[in-house]
Amino acid sequence: MISTVVTGIGGGAIAVQYFGLQEWVDSVTGLVALGGVIFGRGLPGGAIVRWVFNFIEKNRDAGIDEVAKEVKEVL
């Protein structure tokens, strides 16, 4: 949850700056749309953290060499 919120705030701010969406704050509809942008930017961060935690849990008893081999195969 925390990673999704932090990624949403940080990623949302980057998206707003990059696309020049600052003028949307002048209307209620624009603010709602910005909230959607921020929410949408948070979802990938939460997913990535979840994937990392699942990988760690799956390889809890594996040695470092086995983990390195699996990461190398994925990348």
N, C-alpha and C. Protein backbone atom coordinates (compact mmCIF):
# COMPACT_ATOMS: atom_id res chain seq x y z
N MET A 1 0.83 -1.19 0.00
CA MET A 1 0.00 0.00 0.00
C MET A 1 0.87 1.26 0.00
N ILE A 2 1.87 1.27 0.86
CA ILE A 2 2.73 2.44 0.95
C ILE A 2 3.48 2.66 -0.36
N SER A 3 3.98 1.57 -0.96
CA SER A 3 4.72 1.72 -2.22
C SER A 3 3.81 2.25 -3.33
N THR A 4 2.55 1.84 -3.34
CA THR A 4 1.62 2.34 -4.35
C THR A 4 1.37 3.83 -4.15
N VAL A 5 1.20 4.26 -2.93
CA VAL A 5 0.95 5.68 -2.66
C VAL A 5 2.18 6.52 -3.02
N VAL A 6 3.35 6.07 -2.59
CA VAL A 6 4.57 6.83 -2.87
C VAL A 6 4.84 6.89 -4.37
N THR A 7 4.68 5.77 -5.06
CA THR A 7 4.89 5.75 -6.50
C THR A 7 3.84 6.62 -7.20
N GLY A 8 2.62 6.59 -6.71
CA GLY A 8 1.58 7.42 -7.30
C GLY A 8 1.88 8.91 -7.16
N ILE A 9 2.30 9.32 -5.99
CA ILE A 9 2.60 10.73 -5.77
C ILE A 9 3.81 11.16 -6.60
N GLY A 10 4.88 10.38 -6.51
CA GLY A 10 6.09 10.73 -7.27
C GLY A 10 5.90 10.61 -8.77
N GLY A 11 5.36 9.48 -9.21
CA GLY A 11 5.13 9.26 -10.64
C GLY A 11 4.06 10.19 -11.19
N GLY A 12 3.04 10.45 -10.39
CA GLY A 12 2.00 11.38 -10.83
C GLY A 12 2.54 12.79 -11.00
N ALA A 13 3.39 13.22 -10.09
CA ALA A 13 4.00 14.55 -10.20
C ALA A 13 4.88 14.65 -11.44
N ILE A 14 5.62 13.59 -11.72
CA ILE A 14 6.46 13.58 -12.92
C ILE A 14 5.60 13.66 -14.17
N ALA A 15 4.50 12.88 -14.21
CA ALA A 15 3.62 12.89 -15.38
C ALA A 15 2.97 14.26 -15.56
N VAL A 16 2.52 14.88 -14.48
CA VAL A 16 1.89 16.20 -14.56
C VAL A 16 2.89 17.22 -15.10
N GLN A 17 4.11 17.20 -14.59
CA GLN A 17 5.14 18.13 -15.06
C GLN A 17 5.49 17.87 -16.52
N TYR A 18 5.70 16.61 -16.87
CA TYR A 18 6.14 16.25 -18.21
C TYR A 18 5.11 16.64 -19.28
N PHE A 19 3.83 16.38 -18.99
CA PHE A 19 2.78 16.68 -19.96
C PHE A 19 2.17 18.07 -19.79
N GLY A 20 2.64 18.85 -18.82
CA GLY A 20 2.15 20.21 -18.63
C GLY A 20 0.68 20.28 -18.24
N LEU A 21 0.28 19.46 -17.29
CA LEU A 21 -1.13 19.38 -16.90
C LEU A 21 -1.48 20.29 -15.72
N GLN A 22 -0.60 21.22 -15.36
CA GLN A 22 -0.82 22.06 -14.19
C GLN A 22 -2.09 22.90 -14.31
N GLU A 23 -2.46 23.31 -15.51
CA GLU A 23 -3.64 24.16 -15.65
C GLU A 23 -4.95 23.42 -15.38
N TRP A 24 -4.89 22.10 -15.26
CA TRP A 24 -6.09 21.33 -14.95
C TRP A 24 -6.61 21.61 -13.53
N VAL A 25 -5.78 22.18 -12.66
CA VAL A 25 -6.22 22.41 -11.28
C VAL A 25 -7.24 23.54 -11.17
N ASP A 26 -7.52 24.24 -12.26
CA ASP A 26 -8.47 25.35 -12.23
C ASP A 26 -9.93 24.90 -12.20
N SER A 27 -10.21 23.62 -12.42
CA SER A 27 -11.59 23.13 -12.42
C SER A 27 -11.68 21.85 -11.60
N VAL A 28 -12.88 21.57 -11.14
CA VAL A 28 -13.12 20.36 -10.36
C VAL A 28 -12.88 19.13 -11.23
N THR A 29 -13.35 19.18 -12.47
CA THR A 29 -13.16 18.04 -13.37
C THR A 29 -11.68 17.79 -13.62
N GLY A 30 -10.91 18.86 -13.76
CA GLY A 30 -9.47 18.71 -13.94
C GLY A 30 -8.80 18.09 -12.73
N LEU A 31 -9.23 18.48 -11.54
CA LEU A 31 -8.67 17.89 -10.33
C LEU A 31 -8.98 16.40 -10.24
N VAL A 32 -10.19 16.02 -10.63
CA VAL A 32 -10.55 14.60 -10.63
C VAL A 32 -9.69 13.84 -11.63
N ALA A 33 -9.47 14.44 -12.81
CA ALA A 33 -8.62 13.81 -13.82
C ALA A 33 -7.18 13.67 -13.32
N LEU A 34 -6.68 14.68 -12.64
CA LEU A 34 -5.32 14.59 -12.07
C LEU A 34 -5.25 13.49 -11.02
N GLY A 35 -6.31 13.35 -10.24
CA GLY A 35 -6.35 12.25 -9.27
C GLY A 35 -6.27 10.91 -9.97
N GLY A 36 -6.94 10.78 -11.12
CA GLY A 36 -6.85 9.55 -11.90
C GLY A 36 -5.45 9.30 -12.43
N VAL A 37 -4.77 10.37 -12.86
CA VAL A 37 -3.39 10.24 -13.33
C VAL A 37 -2.50 9.75 -12.19
N ILE A 38 -2.66 10.35 -11.03
CA ILE A 38 -1.84 9.97 -9.87
C ILE A 38 -2.13 8.52 -9.46
N PHE A 39 -3.40 8.14 -9.44
CA PHE A 39 -3.76 6.76 -9.10
C PHE A 39 -3.18 5.79 -10.12
N GLY A 40 -3.30 6.12 -11.38
CA GLY A 40 -2.80 5.25 -12.44
C GLY A 40 -1.29 5.08 -12.40
N ARG A 41 -0.58 6.12 -11.98
CA ARG A 41 0.88 6.03 -11.89
C ARG A 41 1.31 5.19 -10.69
N GLY A 42 0.46 5.03 -9.70
CA GLY A 42 0.82 4.26 -8.52
C GLY A 42 0.69 2.76 -8.71
N LEU A 43 -0.16 2.34 -9.62
CA LEU A 43 -0.40 0.90 -9.80
C LEU A 43 0.84 0.13 -10.24
N PRO A 44 1.64 0.62 -11.21
CA PRO A 44 2.84 -0.15 -11.57
C PRO A 44 3.84 -0.28 -10.42
N GLY A 45 3.98 0.74 -9.61
CA GLY A 45 4.90 0.65 -8.47
C GLY A 45 4.48 -0.41 -7.48
N GLY A 46 3.20 -0.47 -7.19
CA GLY A 46 2.69 -1.49 -6.29
C GLY A 46 2.86 -2.89 -6.85
N ALA A 47 2.66 -3.03 -8.16
CA ALA A 47 2.82 -4.34 -8.80
C ALA A 47 4.27 -4.79 -8.76
N ILE A 48 5.20 -3.87 -9.03
CA ILE A 48 6.62 -4.23 -9.02
C ILE A 48 7.06 -4.67 -7.63
N VAL A 49 6.63 -3.94 -6.61
CA VAL A 49 6.99 -4.32 -5.23
C VAL A 49 6.41 -5.68 -4.89
N ARG A 50 5.19 -5.94 -5.31
CA ARG A 50 4.56 -7.23 -5.03
C ARG A 50 5.32 -8.37 -5.73
N TRP A 51 5.73 -8.14 -6.99
CA TRP A 51 6.50 -9.16 -7.71
C TRP A 51 7.82 -9.44 -7.01
N VAL A 52 8.49 -8.39 -6.54
CA VAL A 52 9.77 -8.58 -5.85
C VAL A 52 9.56 -9.37 -4.56
N PHE A 53 8.55 -9.03 -3.78
CA PHE A 53 8.30 -9.76 -2.53
C PHE A 53 7.93 -11.21 -2.81
N ASN A 54 7.14 -11.46 -3.85
CA ASN A 54 6.80 -12.84 -4.20
C ASN A 54 8.04 -13.63 -4.62
N PHE A 55 8.94 -13.00 -5.36
CA PHE A 55 10.19 -13.64 -5.77
C PHE A 55 11.05 -13.97 -4.56
N ILE A 56 11.14 -13.04 -3.64
CA ILE A 56 11.93 -13.27 -2.42
C ILE A 56 11.34 -14.41 -1.61
N GLU A 57 10.03 -14.43 -1.47
CA GLU A 57 9.37 -15.49 -0.70
C GLU A 57 9.56 -16.85 -1.38
N LYS A 58 9.48 -16.89 -2.70
CA LYS A 58 9.65 -18.13 -3.44
C LYS A 58 11.06 -18.68 -3.29
N ASN A 59 12.04 -17.81 -3.21
CA ASN A 59 13.44 -18.21 -3.14
C ASN A 59 14.02 -18.05 -1.74
N ARG A 60 13.19 -18.17 -0.74
CA ARG A 60 13.61 -17.96 0.64
C ARG A 60 14.77 -18.89 1.05
N ASP A 61 14.69 -20.15 0.66
CA ASP A 61 15.70 -21.13 1.08
C ASP A 61 16.77 -21.38 0.02
N ALA A 62 16.74 -20.64 -1.07
CA ALA A 62 17.71 -20.84 -2.15
C ALA A 62 19.02 -20.13 -1.82
N GLY A 63 20.10 -20.67 -2.34
CA GLY A 63 21.40 -20.04 -2.18
C GLY A 63 21.55 -18.87 -3.13
N ILE A 64 22.56 -18.04 -2.88
CA ILE A 64 22.78 -16.86 -3.70
C ILE A 64 23.06 -17.22 -5.15
N ASP A 65 23.74 -18.34 -5.37
CA ASP A 65 24.05 -18.76 -6.74
C ASP A 65 22.78 -19.16 -7.50
N GLU A 66 21.85 -19.82 -6.82
CA GLU A 66 20.58 -20.20 -7.45
C GLU A 66 19.74 -18.96 -7.77
N VAL A 67 19.72 -18.01 -6.86
CA VAL A 67 18.97 -16.77 -7.08
C VAL A 67 19.57 -16.01 -8.25
N ALA A 68 20.88 -15.89 -8.28
CA ALA A 68 21.55 -15.19 -9.39
C ALA A 68 21.26 -15.86 -10.73
N LYS A 69 21.27 -17.19 -10.75
CA LYS A 69 20.98 -17.91 -11.98
C LYS A 69 19.55 -17.63 -12.45
N GLU A 70 18.59 -17.64 -11.53
CA GLU A 70 17.20 -17.38 -11.90
C GLU A 70 16.99 -15.95 -12.38
N VAL A 71 17.63 -14.98 -11.72
CA VAL A 71 17.52 -13.58 -12.15
C VAL A 71 18.13 -13.42 -13.54
N LYS A 72 19.26 -14.09 -13.77
CA LYS A 72 19.91 -14.02 -15.09
C LYS A 72 19.02 -14.59 -16.17
N GLU A 73 18.29 -15.68 -15.88
CA GLU A 73 17.38 -16.26 -16.85
C GLU A 73 16.22 -15.32 -17.18
N VAL A 74 15.74 -14.63 -16.17
CA VAL A 74 14.61 -13.71 -16.38
C VAL A 74 15.03 -12.49 -17.19
N LEU A 75 16.23 -11.98 -16.90
CA LEU A 75 16.70 -10.80 -17.60
C LEU A 75 17.36 -11.21 -18.89
